[in-house]
Amino acid sequence: MAGIRSRTIKKEGRPWGRYEILLKEPGVQVKRIEVNPKSRFSLQKHSRRSEKWIVIAGKGAATLGEKTVSLKPGSFLDIPRGLIHRVRNNGLKPLVLIEVQFGSYLGEDDVVRLEDDFGRC
């Protein structure tokens, strides 16, 4: 039986943690994201992509529009294009999720930051 091989296309550090691009093809990109304990993403939205998140380790919370959703391993979130969202790690260990992006453009400059703990707005 053949095993699943993991290869990283790109690793990138961020003030809140880091991500690795695992797959990049036209219209789809897959990332492994680690959010440091007690840290969070900027409050953001995207105009040209949607995202799916699957939590694989840790605990946290996600803001999806006006709602807040608890996160634990196995949580699955659908983030439509244009929805304001954020993830935060409430725990003492890294929050790890797989993010699958779909859209006509998947560049990091599609992030529209509305609030940011690190002065990037």
C-alpha atoms as a PDB file:
ATOM      1  CA  MET A   1       0.000   0.000   0.000  1.00  0.00           C
ATOM      2  CA  ALA A   2       1.408   3.368  -1.000  1.00  0.00           C
ATOM      3  CA  GLY A   3       1.781   5.960   1.756  1.00  0.00           C
ATOM      4  CA  ILE A   4       0.717   9.573   1.549  1.00  0.00           C
ATOM      5  CA  ARG A   5       3.682  11.834   0.942  1.00  0.00           C
ATOM      6  CA  SER A   6       3.704  15.318   2.343  1.00  0.00           C
ATOM      7  CA  ARG A   7       5.701  18.024   0.661  1.00  0.00           C
ATOM      8  CA  THR A   8       5.858  21.661   1.507  1.00  0.00           C
ATOM      9  CA  ILE A   9       5.893  24.126  -1.357  1.00  0.00           C
ATOM     10  CA  LYS A  10       6.463  27.176   0.838  1.00  0.00           C
ATOM     11  CA  LYS A  11       6.746  27.998   4.564  1.00  0.00           C
ATOM     12  CA  GLU A  12       5.961  31.464   5.840  1.00  0.00           C
ATOM     13  CA  GLY A  13       6.174  32.938   9.352  1.00  0.00           C
ATOM     14  CA  ARG A  14       3.573  35.410  10.590  1.00  0.00           C
ATOM     15  CA  PRO A  15       3.256  37.384  13.849  1.00  0.00           C
ATOM     16  CA  TRP A  16       0.435  35.014  14.946  1.00  0.00           C
ATOM     17  CA  GLY A  17       2.201  31.758  13.933  1.00  0.00           C
ATOM     18  CA  ARG A  18       3.054  30.213  10.564  1.00  0.00           C
ATOM     19  CA  TYR A  19       1.696  28.439   7.516  1.00  0.00           C
ATOM     20  CA  GLU A  20       2.923  25.963   4.930  1.00  0.00           C
ATOM     21  CA  ILE A  21       1.555  25.690   1.408  1.00  0.00           C
ATOM     22  CA  LEU A  22       1.020  21.983   0.761  1.00  0.00           C
ATOM     23  CA  LEU A  23      -0.663  22.181  -2.650  1.00  0.00           C
ATOM     24  CA  LYS A  24      -0.998  24.951  -5.202  1.00  0.00           C
ATOM     25  CA  GLU A  25      -2.848  24.491  -8.485  1.00  0.00           C
ATOM     26  CA  PRO A  26      -4.977  26.819 -10.605  1.00  0.00           C
ATOM     27  CA  GLY A  27      -8.061  27.669  -8.553  1.00  0.00           C
ATOM     28  CA  VAL A  28      -7.081  25.768  -5.385  1.00  0.00           C
ATOM     29  CA  GLN A  29      -4.462  26.066  -2.644  1.00  0.00           C
ATOM     30  CA  VAL A  30      -4.055  23.990   0.531  1.00  0.00           C
ATOM     31  CA  LYS A  31      -2.279  25.297   3.630  1.00  0.00           C
ATOM     32  CA  ARG A  32      -1.363  23.877   7.014  1.00  0.00           C
ATOM     33  CA  ILE A  33      -1.732  26.728   9.514  1.00  0.00           C
ATOM     34  CA  GLU A  34      -0.464  26.937  13.106  1.00  0.00           C
ATOM     35  CA  VAL A  35      -1.771  29.721  15.332  1.00  0.00           C
ATOM     36  CA  ASN A  36       0.359  30.394  18.418  1.00  0.00           C
ATOM     37  CA  PRO A  37      -1.236  30.113  21.881  1.00  0.00           C
ATOM     38  CA  LYS A  38      -3.292  33.197  22.814  1.00  0.00           C
ATOM     39  CA  SER A  39      -2.834  34.670  19.329  1.00  0.00           C
ATOM     40  CA  ARG A  40      -5.240  35.407  16.457  1.00  0.00           C
ATOM     41  CA  PHE A  41      -5.442  36.359  12.791  1.00  0.00           C
ATOM     42  CA  SER A  42      -6.528  39.784  11.687  1.00  0.00           C
ATOM     43  CA  LEU A  43     -10.260  40.332  11.205  1.00  0.00           C
ATOM     44  CA  GLN A  44     -10.394  39.950   7.427  1.00  0.00           C
ATOM     45  CA  LYS A  45     -12.249  39.107   4.262  1.00  0.00           C
ATOM     46  CA  HIS A  46     -11.373  38.064   0.719  1.00  0.00           C
ATOM     47  CA  SER A  47     -12.916  39.324  -2.491  1.00  0.00           C
ATOM     48  CA  ARG A  48     -11.676  36.603  -4.852  1.00  0.00           C
ATOM     49  CA  ARG A  49     -11.638  33.354  -2.852  1.00  0.00           C
ATOM     50  CA  SER A  50     -13.596  31.196  -0.441  1.00  0.00           C
ATOM     51  CA  GLU A  51     -12.026  29.004   2.241  1.00  0.00           C
ATOM     52  CA  LYS A  52     -12.722  25.766   4.091  1.00  0.00           C
ATOM     53  CA  TRP A  53     -11.069  25.163   7.462  1.00  0.00           C
ATOM     54  CA  ILE A  54     -10.620  21.810   9.202  1.00  0.00           C
ATOM     55  CA  VAL A  55      -9.189  21.907  12.729  1.00  0.00           C
ATOM     56  CA  ILE A  56      -6.713  19.093  13.391  1.00  0.00           C
ATOM     57  CA  ALA A  57      -5.289  20.095  16.811  1.00  0.00           C
ATOM     58  CA  GLY A  58      -5.884  22.586  19.585  1.00  0.00           C
ATOM     59  CA  LYS A  59      -8.827  24.694  20.684  1.00  0.00           C
ATOM     60  CA  GLY A  60      -9.979  28.122  19.677  1.00  0.00           C
ATOM     61  CA  ALA A  61     -12.787  30.246  18.320  1.00  0.00           C
ATOM     62  CA  ALA A  62     -13.680  31.622  14.914  1.00  0.00           C
ATOM     63  CA  THR A  63     -15.541  34.802  14.080  1.00  0.00           C
ATOM     64  CA  LEU A  64     -17.775  34.278  11.037  1.00  0.00           C
ATOM     65  CA  GLY A  65     -19.650  37.482  10.289  1.00  0.00           C
ATOM     66  CA  GLU A  66     -21.668  38.206  13.457  1.00  0.00           C
ATOM     67  CA  LYS A  67     -21.249  34.679  14.906  1.00  0.00           C
ATOM     68  CA  THR A  68     -18.554  33.161  17.097  1.00  0.00           C
ATOM     69  CA  VAL A  69     -17.978  29.414  16.746  1.00  0.00           C
ATOM     70  CA  SER A  70     -15.937  27.205  19.115  1.00  0.00           C
ATOM     71  CA  LEU A  71     -13.176  25.195  17.482  1.00  0.00           C
ATOM     72  CA  LYS A  72     -11.792  21.778  18.421  1.00  0.00           C
ATOM     73  CA  PRO A  73     -10.228  18.908  16.468  1.00  0.00           C
ATOM     74  CA  GLY A  74     -12.654  17.832  13.755  1.00  0.00           C
ATOM     75  CA  SER A  75     -14.392  21.221  13.454  1.00  0.00           C
ATOM     76  CA  PHE A  76     -15.126  22.149   9.851  1.00  0.00           C
ATOM     77  CA  LEU A  77     -15.909  25.701   8.720  1.00  0.00           C
ATOM     78  CA  ASP A  78     -17.088  27.095   5.394  1.00  0.00           C
ATOM     79  CA  ILE A  79     -16.018  30.701   4.745  1.00  0.00           C
ATOM     80  CA  PRO A  80     -17.720  32.122   1.653  1.00  0.00           C
ATOM     81  CA  ARG A  81     -16.030  34.818  -0.412  1.00  0.00           C
ATOM     82  CA  GLY A  82     -16.576  38.234   1.203  1.00  0.00           C
ATOM     83  CA  LEU A  83     -17.472  36.943   4.707  1.00  0.00           C
ATOM     84  CA  ILE A  84     -15.645  38.739   7.527  1.00  0.00           C
ATOM     85  CA  HIS A  85     -13.741  36.174   9.578  1.00  0.00           C
ATOM     86  CA  ARG A  86     -10.982  35.578  12.110  1.00  0.00           C
ATOM     87  CA  VAL A  87      -9.572  32.644  14.076  1.00  0.00           C
ATOM     88  CA  ARG A  88      -8.098  32.832  17.567  1.00  0.00           C
ATOM     89  CA  ASN A  89      -6.232  30.281  19.654  1.00  0.00           C
ATOM     90  CA  ASN A  90      -7.661  30.186  23.182  1.00  0.00           C
ATOM     91  CA  GLY A  91      -5.380  27.387  24.356  1.00  0.00           C
ATOM     92  CA  LEU A  92      -1.853  26.859  25.582  1.00  0.00           C
ATOM     93  CA  LYS A  93      -0.835  24.675  22.600  1.00  0.00           C
ATOM     94  CA  PRO A  94      -0.794  25.569  18.885  1.00  0.00           C
ATOM     95  CA  LEU A  95      -4.129  25.593  17.060  1.00  0.00           C
ATOM     96  CA  VAL A  96      -3.530  23.667  13.823  1.00  0.00           C
ATOM     97  CA  LEU A  97      -5.860  23.750  10.867  1.00  0.00           C
ATOM     98  CA  ILE A  98      -5.928  22.834   7.220  1.00  0.00           C
ATOM     99  CA  GLU A  99      -7.189  25.630   4.991  1.00  0.00           C
ATOM    100  CA  VAL A 100      -8.404  24.905   1.467  1.00  0.00           C
ATOM    101  CA  GLN A 101      -8.792  28.005  -0.701  1.00  0.00           C
ATOM    102  CA  PHE A 102     -10.876  28.111  -3.879  1.00  0.00           C
ATOM    103  CA  GLY A 103     -11.070  31.007  -6.301  1.00  0.00           C
ATOM    104  CA  SER A 104      -9.899  32.870  -9.346  1.00  0.00           C
ATOM    105  CA  TYR A 105      -7.003  34.443  -7.409  1.00  0.00           C
ATOM    106  CA  LEU A 106      -5.276  33.020  -4.334  1.00  0.00           C
ATOM    107  CA  GLY A 107      -2.543  35.582  -3.568  1.00  0.00           C
ATOM    108  CA  GLU A 108      -1.936  36.934  -0.078  1.00  0.00           C
ATOM    109  CA  ASP A 109      -2.751  40.443  -1.318  1.00  0.00           C
ATOM    110  CA  ASP A 110      -6.422  39.383  -1.540  1.00  0.00           C
ATOM    111  CA  VAL A 111      -6.592  39.749   2.278  1.00  0.00           C
ATOM    112  CA  VAL A 112      -8.556  42.854   3.309  1.00  0.00           C
ATOM    113  CA  ARG A 113      -7.697  43.487   6.978  1.00  0.00           C
ATOM    114  CA  LEU A 114     -10.338  45.256   9.048  1.00  0.00           C
ATOM    115  CA  GLU A 115      -8.615  44.902  12.458  1.00  0.00           C
ATOM    116  CA  ASP A 116      -5.158  43.625  13.303  1.00  0.00           C
ATOM    117  CA  ASP A 117      -3.210  43.091  16.550  1.00  0.00           C
ATOM    118  CA  PHE A 118       0.078  43.640  14.706  1.00  0.00           C
ATOM    119  CA  GLY A 119      -0.499  47.006  12.993  1.00  0.00           C
ATOM    120  CA  ARG A 120      -0.972  45.615   9.462  1.00  0.00           C
ATOM    121  CA  CYS A 121      -4.227  47.394   8.546  1.00  0.00           C
END
